[in-house]
Amino acid sequence: MESAGGPYLNTAVMTSPVGIARLLQMTFGCTTFSLVAHQGGFSAAYGTFCMFVWTFCFAITVFIITCEFTHLHSCLRISWGNFTAAFAMLATLMSVTAAVIYPLYFVQLSCYPIGCEVRDFRIAASVFAGLLFVAYAVEVFLTRAKPGQVTSYMATVSGLLKIVQAFVACIIFGALVNDSQYSKYVATQWCVAVFSFCFVMTVVVVAFSVTGKTATLWFPFERSVVVYTFVAVLLYVSAAVIWPVFCFDSKYGSPQRPALCAKGRCPWDSQLVIAVFTYVNLLLYVVDLAYSQRIRFVSHL
């Protein structure tokens, strides 16, 4: 008798290199947050963020594995290739952040005062958090677009950079709300407007690509993305010039960190973080502009 499950289950996807990477992601993710929840422990906003990253990535990875194994992704009204490529890049960035933050704030070599058992659990969780990042990075490497290959936009260098740009913008926003004093000058408020506009537009590009709606638009989406990227470069150039001047020039701010500035609550520190990541995002948009002129959008993959 013919097996009824044959036509409906895709067993090959579980044994492919990408499938193995996803199984490792699920295993490492579950192990990491289980170790932390059982005995490692977490606290404050940093620990909550790490737990959110591990549980969120685990849940989405299980969803992807289930959909591909049962072919359910064909029933979803999204561009599956764009969705999985975008998530893999986002999970890589989130997991490497958590893999750095958790040991930085919660791991110590001595047993006092948390106890040796808690210390060991935290060290083990940190190791598996690092392995989780490696597993997601491997998936990005395996699914990235190869030269001359027809693939999803989010798997191209330009598409992956969109995720990184949005992630870096979130870091900038986190520093902005941490007493950065951005409202002190109109010029720094302009920089916030630049960060916000570019972030929103980047998210819109990703959303249209993931939902597979680029072909239904009445304007050429491919050309619009290139034009937007060029505008984003110009806007970030203005922010990269204005922000350091109005924060670190002696006429408007302080060239050096104030001696009486409290650690963790110093506006100068937040302003420095914003300045650094402004230049990071500027570089990302420049590279994006260079690559976006050499690709073609494929909305149905």
C-alpha atoms as a PDB file:
ATOM      1  CA  MET A   1       0.000   0.000   0.000  1.00  0.00           C
ATOM      2  CA  GLU A   2       1.340   3.449  -0.898  1.00  0.00           C
ATOM      3  CA  SER A   3       2.288   5.615   2.048  1.00  0.00           C
ATOM      4  CA  ALA A   4      -0.162   8.461   2.574  1.00  0.00           C
ATOM      5  CA  GLY A   5       2.477  10.618   4.228  1.00  0.00           C
ATOM      6  CA  GLY A   6       4.928  10.551   1.325  1.00  0.00           C
ATOM      7  CA  PRO A   7       3.440  13.319  -0.823  1.00  0.00           C
ATOM      8  CA  TYR A   8       2.855  15.621   2.140  1.00  0.00           C
ATOM      9  CA  LEU A   9       6.119  15.499   4.089  1.00  0.00           C
ATOM     10  CA  ASN A  10       9.380  16.884   2.736  1.00  0.00           C
ATOM     11  CA  THR A  11      11.985  14.712   4.429  1.00  0.00           C
ATOM     12  CA  ALA A  12      14.767  15.956   2.161  1.00  0.00           C
ATOM     13  CA  VAL A  13      14.604  19.416   3.713  1.00  0.00           C
ATOM     14  CA  MET A  14      15.639  17.980   7.072  1.00  0.00           C
ATOM     15  CA  THR A  15      18.829  16.403   5.726  1.00  0.00           C
ATOM     16  CA  SER A  16      19.985  19.314   3.559  1.00  0.00           C
ATOM     17  CA  PRO A  17      22.790  21.571   4.882  1.00  0.00           C
ATOM     18  CA  VAL A  18      20.290  24.376   5.559  1.00  0.00           C
ATOM     19  CA  GLY A  19      17.917  21.939   7.258  1.00  0.00           C
ATOM     20  CA  ILE A  20      20.686  20.636   9.511  1.00  0.00           C
ATOM     21  CA  ALA A  21      21.645  24.205  10.391  1.00  0.00           C
ATOM     22  CA  ARG A  22      18.038  24.927  11.381  1.00  0.00           C
ATOM     23  CA  LEU A  23      17.823  21.793  13.508  1.00  0.00           C
ATOM     24  CA  LEU A  24      20.984  22.933  15.300  1.00  0.00           C
ATOM     25  CA  GLN A  25      19.458  26.382  15.758  1.00  0.00           C
ATOM     26  CA  MET A  26      16.392  24.843  17.375  1.00  0.00           C
ATOM     27  CA  THR A  27      18.543  22.640  19.613  1.00  0.00           C
ATOM     28  CA  PHE A  28      20.966  25.362  20.688  1.00  0.00           C
ATOM     29  CA  GLY A  29      18.181  27.903  21.210  1.00  0.00           C
ATOM     30  CA  CYS A  30      16.111  25.581  23.387  1.00  0.00           C
ATOM     31  CA  THR A  31      19.194  24.566  25.376  1.00  0.00           C
ATOM     32  CA  THR A  32      20.251  28.170  25.946  1.00  0.00           C
ATOM     33  CA  PHE A  33      17.028  29.555  27.340  1.00  0.00           C
ATOM     34  CA  SER A  34      16.393  26.333  29.287  1.00  0.00           C
ATOM     35  CA  LEU A  35      19.745  26.656  31.077  1.00  0.00           C
ATOM     36  CA  VAL A  36      19.035  30.298  31.887  1.00  0.00           C
ATOM     37  CA  ALA A  37      15.475  29.680  33.019  1.00  0.00           C
ATOM     38  CA  HIS A  38      16.359  26.603  35.083  1.00  0.00           C
ATOM     39  CA  GLN A  39      19.332  27.817  37.086  1.00  0.00           C
ATOM     40  CA  GLY A  40      21.363  30.497  35.281  1.00  0.00           C
ATOM     41  CA  GLY A  41      18.914  33.276  35.920  1.00  0.00           C
ATOM     42  CA  PHE A  42      18.550  36.714  34.400  1.00  0.00           C
ATOM     43  CA  SER A  43      17.491  40.156  35.536  1.00  0.00           C
ATOM     44  CA  ALA A  44      17.038  43.744  34.410  1.00  0.00           C
ATOM     45  CA  ALA A  45      16.473  44.854  30.841  1.00  0.00           C
ATOM     46  CA  TYR A  46      19.632  43.165  29.521  1.00  0.00           C
ATOM     47  CA  GLY A  47      18.646  39.728  30.751  1.00  0.00           C
ATOM     48  CA  THR A  48      15.055  40.133  29.560  1.00  0.00           C
ATOM     49  CA  PHE A  49      16.321  41.099  26.112  1.00  0.00           C
ATOM     50  CA  CYS A  50      18.510  38.001  25.917  1.00  0.00           C
ATOM     51  CA  MET A  51      15.645  35.716  26.931  1.00  0.00           C
ATOM     52  CA  PHE A  52      13.386  37.375  24.376  1.00  0.00           C
ATOM     53  CA  VAL A  53      15.978  36.844  21.631  1.00  0.00           C
ATOM     54  CA  TRP A  54      16.433  33.152  22.402  1.00  0.00           C
ATOM     55  CA  THR A  55      12.710  32.349  22.754  1.00  0.00           C
ATOM     56  CA  PHE A  56      11.719  34.452  19.722  1.00  0.00           C
ATOM     57  CA  CYS A  57      14.349  32.888  17.465  1.00  0.00           C
ATOM     58  CA  PHE A  58      13.459  29.410  18.726  1.00  0.00           C
ATOM     59  CA  ALA A  59       9.754  29.918  18.026  1.00  0.00           C
ATOM     60  CA  ILE A  60      10.269  31.260  14.497  1.00  0.00           C
ATOM     61  CA  THR A  61      12.797  28.530  13.687  1.00  0.00           C
ATOM     62  CA  VAL A  62      10.331  25.839  14.795  1.00  0.00           C
ATOM     63  CA  PHE A  63       7.685  27.522  12.645  1.00  0.00           C
ATOM     64  CA  ILE A  64       9.981  27.516   9.588  1.00  0.00           C
ATOM     65  CA  ILE A  65      11.015  23.883  10.068  1.00  0.00           C
ATOM     66  CA  THR A  66       7.386  22.814  10.496  1.00  0.00           C
ATOM     67  CA  CYS A  67       6.202  24.703   7.434  1.00  0.00           C
ATOM     68  CA  GLU A  68       8.961  23.367   5.186  1.00  0.00           C
ATOM     69  CA  PHE A  69       8.639  19.796   6.460  1.00  0.00           C
ATOM     70  CA  THR A  70       4.863  19.751   5.870  1.00  0.00           C
ATOM     71  CA  HIS A  71       4.825  22.041   2.788  1.00  0.00           C
ATOM     72  CA  LEU A  72       2.524  24.425   4.661  1.00  0.00           C
ATOM     73  CA  HIS A  73       4.611  27.397   3.513  1.00  0.00           C
ATOM     74  CA  SER A  74       3.019  27.027   0.077  1.00  0.00           C
ATOM     75  CA  CYS A  75      -0.301  28.021   1.655  1.00  0.00           C
ATOM     76  CA  LEU A  76       1.061  31.269   3.083  1.00  0.00           C
ATOM     77  CA  ARG A  77       0.647  34.494   1.143  1.00  0.00           C
ATOM     78  CA  ILE A  78       4.226  35.619   1.585  1.00  0.00           C
ATOM     79  CA  SER A  79       7.471  35.267  -0.325  1.00  0.00           C
ATOM     80  CA  TRP A  80       8.879  32.325   1.611  1.00  0.00           C
ATOM     81  CA  GLY A  81      12.434  32.726   0.297  1.00  0.00           C
ATOM     82  CA  ASN A  82      12.508  36.386   1.284  1.00  0.00           C
ATOM     83  CA  PHE A  83      10.998  35.627   4.700  1.00  0.00           C
ATOM     84  CA  THR A  84      13.484  32.908   5.633  1.00  0.00           C
ATOM     85  CA  ALA A  85      16.481  34.903   4.352  1.00  0.00           C
ATOM     86  CA  ALA A  86      15.389  38.016   6.251  1.00  0.00           C
ATOM     87  CA  PHE A  87      14.775  36.081   9.456  1.00  0.00           C
ATOM     88  CA  ALA A  88      18.119  34.279   9.251  1.00  0.00           C
ATOM     89  CA  MET A  89      19.955  37.603   9.002  1.00  0.00           C
ATOM     90  CA  LEU A  90      17.891  39.166  11.783  1.00  0.00           C
ATOM     91  CA  ALA A  91      18.383  36.124  14.027  1.00  0.00           C
ATOM     92  CA  THR A  92      22.130  36.250  13.384  1.00  0.00           C
ATOM     93  CA  LEU A  93      22.299  39.867  14.533  1.00  0.00           C
ATOM     94  CA  MET A  94      20.041  39.323  17.544  1.00  0.00           C
ATOM     95  CA  SER A  95      21.787  36.144  18.658  1.00  0.00           C
ATOM     96  CA  VAL A  96      25.279  37.629  18.437  1.00  0.00           C
ATOM     97  CA  THR A  97      24.061  40.595  20.501  1.00  0.00           C
ATOM     98  CA  ALA A  98      22.643  38.292  23.163  1.00  0.00           C
ATOM     99  CA  ALA A  99      25.773  36.126  23.051  1.00  0.00           C
ATOM    100  CA  VAL A 100      27.822  39.206  23.936  1.00  0.00           C
ATOM    101  CA  ILE A 101      25.447  40.806  26.449  1.00  0.00           C
ATOM    102  CA  TYR A 102      24.655  37.776  28.609  1.00  0.00           C
ATOM    103  CA  PRO A 103      28.217  36.762  29.555  1.00  0.00           C
ATOM    104  CA  LEU A 104      29.210  40.420  29.837  1.00  0.00           C
ATOM    105  CA  TYR A 105      26.597  41.139  32.501  1.00  0.00           C
ATOM    106  CA  PHE A 106      25.931  37.761  34.115  1.00  0.00           C
ATOM    107  CA  VAL A 107      29.036  35.561  33.879  1.00  0.00           C
ATOM    108  CA  GLN A 108      31.844  35.729  36.443  1.00  0.00           C
ATOM    109  CA  LEU A 109      34.738  33.430  37.208  1.00  0.00           C
ATOM    110  CA  SER A 110      34.315  33.380  40.973  1.00  0.00           C
ATOM    111  CA  CYS A 111      31.509  31.551  42.728  1.00  0.00           C
ATOM    112  CA  TYR A 112      30.783  34.397  45.154  1.00  0.00           C
ATOM    113  CA  PRO A 113      28.074  35.582  45.632  1.00  0.00           C
ATOM    114  CA  ILE A 114      25.917  33.629  43.146  1.00  0.00           C
ATOM    115  CA  GLY A 115      27.293  30.157  43.891  1.00  0.00           C
ATOM    116  CA  CYS A 116      29.266  27.758  41.742  1.00  0.00           C
ATOM    117  CA  GLU A 117      26.229  25.960  40.333  1.00  0.00           C
ATOM    118  CA  VAL A 118      24.648  29.158  39.043  1.00  0.00           C
ATOM    119  CA  ARG A 119      28.008  30.264  37.638  1.00  0.00           C
ATOM    120  CA  ASP A 120      28.417  26.973  35.764  1.00  0.00           C
ATOM    121  CA  PHE A 121      24.915  27.223  34.306  1.00  0.00           C
ATOM    122  CA  ARG A 122      25.588  30.754  33.121  1.00  0.00           C
ATOM    123  CA  ILE A 123      28.860  29.750  31.497  1.00  0.00           C
ATOM    124  CA  ALA A 124      27.146  26.826  29.749  1.00  0.00           C
ATOM    125  CA  ALA A 125      24.332  29.118  28.562  1.00  0.00           C
ATOM    126  CA  SER A 126      26.898  31.549  27.169  1.00  0.00           C
ATOM    127  CA  VAL A 127      28.618  28.737  25.236  1.00  0.00           C
ATOM    128  CA  PHE A 128      25.350  27.581  23.673  1.00  0.00           C
ATOM    129  CA  ALA A 129      24.407  31.189  22.918  1.00  0.00           C
ATOM    130  CA  GLY A 130      27.620  31.467  20.922  1.00  0.00           C
ATOM    131  CA  LEU A 131      26.857  28.207  19.106  1.00  0.00           C
ATOM    132  CA  LEU A 132      23.377  29.525  18.309  1.00  0.00           C
ATOM    133  CA  PHE A 133      24.892  32.577  16.632  1.00  0.00           C
ATOM    134  CA  VAL A 134      27.222  30.352  14.603  1.00  0.00           C
ATOM    135  CA  ALA A 135      24.286  28.200  13.454  1.00  0.00           C
ATOM    136  CA  TYR A 136      22.331  31.215  12.198  1.00  0.00           C
ATOM    137  CA  ALA A 137      25.433  32.673  10.546  1.00  0.00           C
ATOM    138  CA  VAL A 138      25.962  29.361   8.737  1.00  0.00           C
ATOM    139  CA  GLU A 139      22.416  29.528   7.360  1.00  0.00           C
ATOM    140  CA  VAL A 140      23.011  33.061   6.070  1.00  0.00           C
ATOM    141  CA  PHE A 141      26.209  31.849   4.418  1.00  0.00           C
ATOM    142  CA  LEU A 142      24.484  28.859   2.817  1.00  0.00           C
ATOM    143  CA  THR A 143      21.429  30.738   1.536  1.00  0.00           C
ATOM    144  CA  ARG A 144      23.094  33.945   0.382  1.00  0.00           C
ATOM    145  CA  ALA A 145      22.821  34.782  -3.304  1.00  0.00           C
ATOM    146  CA  LYS A 146      25.635  33.481  -5.486  1.00  0.00           C
ATOM    147  CA  PRO A 147      26.886  35.431  -8.536  1.00  0.00           C
ATOM    148  CA  GLY A 148      24.547  34.847 -11.478  1.00  0.00           C
ATOM    149  CA  GLN A 149      22.033  32.914  -9.355  1.00  0.00           C
ATOM    150  CA  VAL A 150      18.303  33.708  -9.507  1.00  0.00           C
ATOM    151  CA  THR A 151      17.221  34.010  -5.897  1.00  0.00           C
ATOM    152  CA  SER A 152      15.112  36.030  -3.478  1.00  0.00           C
ATOM    153  CA  TYR A 153      15.972  39.694  -3.007  1.00  0.00           C
ATOM    154  CA  MET A 154      16.470  39.337   0.740  1.00  0.00           C
ATOM    155  CA  ALA A 155      19.160  36.700   0.098  1.00  0.00           C
ATOM    156  CA  THR A 156      21.247  39.185  -1.893  1.00  0.00           C
ATOM    157  CA  VAL A 157      23.860  41.442  -0.340  1.00  0.00           C
ATOM    158  CA  SER A 158      21.531  44.409  -0.720  1.00  0.00           C
ATOM    159  CA  GLY A 159      18.652  42.570   0.952  1.00  0.00           C
ATOM    160  CA  LEU A 160      20.780  41.348   3.850  1.00  0.00           C
ATOM    161  CA  LEU A 161      22.156  44.851   4.320  1.00  0.00           C
ATOM    162  CA  LYS A 162      18.597  46.140   4.713  1.00  0.00           C
ATOM    163  CA  ILE A 163      18.219  43.979   7.813  1.00  0.00           C
ATOM    164  CA  VAL A 164      21.556  45.152   9.199  1.00  0.00           C
ATOM    165  CA  GLN A 165      20.650  48.803   8.543  1.00  0.00           C
ATOM    166  CA  ALA A 166      17.374  48.446  10.431  1.00  0.00           C
ATOM    167  CA  PHE A 167      19.131  46.666  13.301  1.00  0.00           C
ATOM    168  CA  VAL A 168      21.795  49.380  13.567  1.00  0.00           C
ATOM    169  CA  ALA A 169      19.030  52.006  13.528  1.00  0.00           C
ATOM    170  CA  CYS A 170      17.427  50.258  16.512  1.00  0.00           C
ATOM    171  CA  ILE A 171      20.735  50.574  18.378  1.00  0.00           C
ATOM    172  CA  ILE A 172      20.760  54.288  17.538  1.00  0.00           C
ATOM    173  CA  PHE A 173      17.183  54.673  18.806  1.00  0.00           C
ATOM    174  CA  GLY A 174      18.106  52.883  22.028  1.00  0.00           C
ATOM    175  CA  ALA A 175      20.928  55.359  22.599  1.00  0.00           C
ATOM    176  CA  LEU A 176      18.663  58.294  21.688  1.00  0.00           C
ATOM    177  CA  VAL A 177      16.146  57.500  24.413  1.00  0.00           C
ATOM    178  CA  ASN A 178      18.938  56.976  26.958  1.00  0.00           C
ATOM    179  CA  ASP A 179      19.254  60.652  27.876  1.00  0.00           C
ATOM    180  CA  SER A 180      21.058  61.675  24.675  1.00  0.00           C
ATOM    181  CA  GLN A 181      19.700  65.258  24.874  1.00  0.00           C
ATOM    182  CA  TYR A 182      18.855  65.198  21.166  1.00  0.00           C
ATOM    183  CA  SER A 183      16.123  67.803  21.628  1.00  0.00           C
ATOM    184  CA  LYS A 184      18.634  70.445  22.708  1.00  0.00           C
ATOM    185  CA  TYR A 185      19.276  71.700  19.153  1.00  0.00           C
ATOM    186  CA  VAL A 186      17.238  71.771  15.968  1.00  0.00           C
ATOM    187  CA  ALA A 187      20.225  70.283  14.141  1.00  0.00           C
ATOM    188  CA  THR A 188      20.265  67.166  16.324  1.00  0.00           C
ATOM    189  CA  GLN A 189      16.496  66.878  15.919  1.00  0.00           C
ATOM    190  CA  TRP A 190      17.126  66.822  12.171  1.00  0.00           C
ATOM    191  CA  CYS A 191      19.455  63.873  12.715  1.00  0.00           C
ATOM    192  CA  VAL A 192      16.714  62.036  14.599  1.00  0.00           C
ATOM    193  CA  ALA A 193      14.372  62.713  11.680  1.00  0.00           C
ATOM    194  CA  VAL A 194      16.985  61.228   9.327  1.00  0.00           C
ATOM    195  CA  PHE A 195      17.356  58.109  11.455  1.00  0.00           C
ATOM    196  CA  SER A 196      13.577  57.679  11.687  1.00  0.00           C
ATOM    197  CA  PHE A 197      12.857  58.249   7.993  1.00  0.00           C
ATOM    198  CA  CYS A 198      15.553  55.847   6.804  1.00  0.00           C
ATOM    199  CA  PHE A 199      14.492  53.213   9.326  1.00  0.00           C
ATOM    200  CA  VAL A 200      10.837  53.381   8.288  1.00  0.00           C
ATOM    201  CA  MET A 201      11.658  53.259   4.580  1.00  0.00           C
ATOM    202  CA  THR A 202      14.011  50.307   5.081  1.00  0.00           C
ATOM    203  CA  VAL A 203      11.328  48.419   6.990  1.00  0.00           C
ATOM    204  CA  VAL A 204       8.862  49.177   4.177  1.00  0.00           C
ATOM    205  CA  VAL A 205      11.268  47.743   1.584  1.00  0.00           C
ATOM    206  CA  VAL A 206      11.730  44.594   3.674  1.00  0.00           C
ATOM    207  CA  ALA A 207       7.976  44.286   4.269  1.00  0.00           C
ATOM    208  CA  PHE A 208       7.108  44.543   0.559  1.00  0.00           C
ATOM    209  CA  SER A 209       9.794  41.993  -0.284  1.00  0.00           C
ATOM    210  CA  VAL A 210       8.716  39.501   2.384  1.00  0.00           C
ATOM    211  CA  THR A 211       5.024  39.790   1.515  1.00  0.00           C
ATOM    212  CA  GLY A 212       5.812  39.364  -2.186  1.00  0.00           C
ATOM    213  CA  LYS A 213       3.834  42.454  -3.179  1.00  0.00           C
ATOM    214  CA  THR A 214       6.563  44.198  -5.153  1.00  0.00           C
ATOM    215  CA  ALA A 215       5.169  43.061  -8.508  1.00  0.00           C
ATOM    216  CA  THR A 216       1.709  44.506  -7.755  1.00  0.00           C
ATOM    217  CA  LEU A 217       2.917  48.082  -7.236  1.00  0.00           C
ATOM    218  CA  TRP A 218       2.115  50.685  -9.870  1.00  0.00           C
ATOM    219  CA  PHE A 219       5.657  52.078  -9.802  1.00  0.00           C
ATOM    220  CA  PRO A 220       8.966  50.305 -10.525  1.00  0.00           C
ATOM    221  CA  PHE A 221       9.941  49.021  -7.106  1.00  0.00           C
ATOM    222  CA  GLU A 222      13.466  48.118  -8.146  1.00  0.00           C
ATOM    223  CA  ARG A 223      14.276  51.631  -9.312  1.00  0.00           C
ATOM    224  CA  SER A 224      12.540  53.173  -6.295  1.00  0.00           C
ATOM    225  CA  VAL A 225      14.722  51.172  -3.907  1.00  0.00           C
ATOM    226  CA  VAL A 226      17.889  52.361  -5.648  1.00  0.00           C
ATOM    227  CA  VAL A 227      16.685  55.980  -5.531  1.00  0.00           C
ATOM    228  CA  TYR A 228      15.760  55.651  -1.857  1.00  0.00           C
ATOM    229  CA  THR A 229      19.169  54.161  -1.036  1.00  0.00           C
ATOM    230  CA  PHE A 230      20.862  57.106  -2.757  1.00  0.00           C
ATOM    231  CA  VAL A 231      18.701  59.547  -0.766  1.00  0.00           C
ATOM    232  CA  ALA A 232      19.493  57.646   2.438  1.00  0.00           C
ATOM    233  CA  VAL A 233      23.217  58.012   1.743  1.00  0.00           C
ATOM    234  CA  LEU A 234      22.810  61.785   1.365  1.00  0.00           C
ATOM    235  CA  LEU A 235      20.717  62.026   4.522  1.00  0.00           C
ATOM    236  CA  TYR A 236      23.170  59.972   6.554  1.00  0.00           C
ATOM    237  CA  VAL A 237      26.053  62.094   5.264  1.00  0.00           C
ATOM    238  CA  SER A 238      24.290  65.154   6.691  1.00  0.00           C
ATOM    239  CA  ALA A 239      23.684  63.379  10.014  1.00  0.00           C
ATOM    240  CA  ALA A 240      27.294  62.132  10.125  1.00  0.00           C
ATOM    241  CA  VAL A 241      28.483  65.738   9.845  1.00  0.00           C
ATOM    242  CA  ILE A 242      25.879  67.475  12.022  1.00  0.00           C
ATOM    243  CA  TRP A 243      25.683  65.092  14.992  1.00  0.00           C
ATOM    244  CA  PRO A 244      29.395  65.150  15.994  1.00  0.00           C
ATOM    245  CA  VAL A 245      29.570  68.937  15.570  1.00  0.00           C
ATOM    246  CA  PHE A 246      26.614  69.658  17.852  1.00  0.00           C
ATOM    247  CA  CYS A 247      27.576  67.022  20.412  1.00  0.00           C
ATOM    248  CA  PHE A 248      31.365  67.145  20.631  1.00  0.00           C
ATOM    249  CA  ASP A 249      32.372  70.629  19.484  1.00  0.00           C
ATOM    250  CA  SER A 250      33.269  72.846  22.445  1.00  0.00           C
ATOM    251  CA  LYS A 251      30.830  75.507  21.221  1.00  0.00           C
ATOM    252  CA  TYR A 252      27.797  73.222  21.551  1.00  0.00           C
ATOM    253  CA  GLY A 253      28.873  70.213  23.579  1.00  0.00           C
ATOM    254  CA  SER A 254      31.896  68.579  25.157  1.00  0.00           C
ATOM    255  CA  PRO A 255      34.877  67.171  23.234  1.00  0.00           C
ATOM    256  CA  GLN A 256      35.723  64.900  26.172  1.00  0.00           C
ATOM    257  CA  ARG A 257      33.648  62.837  28.532  1.00  0.00           C
ATOM    258  CA  PRO A 258      32.685  64.926  31.612  1.00  0.00           C
ATOM    259  CA  ALA A 259      34.483  63.728  34.716  1.00  0.00           C
ATOM    260  CA  LEU A 260      31.336  63.793  36.858  1.00  0.00           C
ATOM    261  CA  CYS A 261      29.237  61.861  34.328  1.00  0.00           C
ATOM    262  CA  ALA A 262      27.688  58.758  35.928  1.00  0.00           C
ATOM    263  CA  LYS A 263      28.486  55.424  34.330  1.00  0.00           C
ATOM    264  CA  GLY A 264      25.509  54.109  32.376  1.00  0.00           C
ATOM    265  CA  ARG A 265      23.604  57.395  32.628  1.00  0.00           C
ATOM    266  CA  CYS A 266      25.877  59.795  30.818  1.00  0.00           C
ATOM    267  CA  PRO A 267      24.477  61.747  27.850  1.00  0.00           C
ATOM    268  CA  TRP A 268      27.972  61.961  26.372  1.00  0.00           C
ATOM    269  CA  ASP A 269      28.190  58.159  26.198  1.00  0.00           C
ATOM    270  CA  SER A 270      24.863  57.946  24.361  1.00  0.00           C
ATOM    271  CA  GLN A 271      25.951  60.681  21.963  1.00  0.00           C
ATOM    272  CA  LEU A 272      29.165  58.789  21.223  1.00  0.00           C
ATOM    273  CA  VAL A 273      27.276  55.564  20.530  1.00  0.00           C
ATOM    274  CA  ILE A 274      24.959  57.422  18.152  1.00  0.00           C
ATOM    275  CA  ALA A 275      27.898  59.032  16.348  1.00  0.00           C
ATOM    276  CA  VAL A 276      29.704  55.706  15.897  1.00  0.00           C
ATOM    277  CA  PHE A 277      26.667  53.831  14.597  1.00  0.00           C
ATOM    278  CA  THR A 278      25.709  56.734  12.351  1.00  0.00           C
ATOM    279  CA  TYR A 279      28.970  56.200  10.507  1.00  0.00           C
ATOM    280  CA  VAL A 280      28.378  52.443  10.535  1.00  0.00           C
ATOM    281  CA  ASN A 281      24.978  52.864   8.897  1.00  0.00           C
ATOM    282  CA  LEU A 282      26.369  55.389   6.428  1.00  0.00           C
ATOM    283  CA  LEU A 283      28.912  52.807   5.312  1.00  0.00           C
ATOM    284  CA  LEU A 284      26.192  50.153   5.074  1.00  0.00           C
ATOM    285  CA  TYR A 285      24.032  52.383   2.872  1.00  0.00           C
ATOM    286  CA  VAL A 286      26.994  53.189   0.604  1.00  0.00           C
ATOM    287  CA  VAL A 287      27.739  49.481   0.142  1.00  0.00           C
ATOM    288  CA  ASP A 288      24.034  48.843  -0.364  1.00  0.00           C
ATOM    289  CA  LEU A 289      23.893  51.485  -3.085  1.00  0.00           C
ATOM    290  CA  ALA A 290      26.820  49.900  -4.883  1.00  0.00           C
ATOM    291  CA  TYR A 291      25.246  46.428  -4.852  1.00  0.00           C
ATOM    292  CA  SER A 292      21.631  47.462  -5.481  1.00  0.00           C
ATOM    293  CA  GLN A 293      22.468  48.626  -9.011  1.00  0.00           C
ATOM    294  CA  ARG A 294      23.640  45.137 -10.011  1.00  0.00           C
ATOM    295  CA  ILE A 295      20.663  43.010  -8.968  1.00  0.00           C
ATOM    296  CA  ARG A 296      17.185  42.233 -10.223  1.00  0.00           C
ATOM    297  CA  PHE A 297      14.197  41.824  -7.892  1.00  0.00           C
ATOM    298  CA  VAL A 298      12.400  38.481  -7.811  1.00  0.00           C
ATOM    299  CA  SER A 299       9.160  38.775  -5.866  1.00  0.00           C
ATOM    300  CA  HIS A 300       7.746  35.267  -6.203  1.00  0.00           C
ATOM    301  CA  LEU A 301      10.560  33.176  -4.703  1.00  0.00           C
END
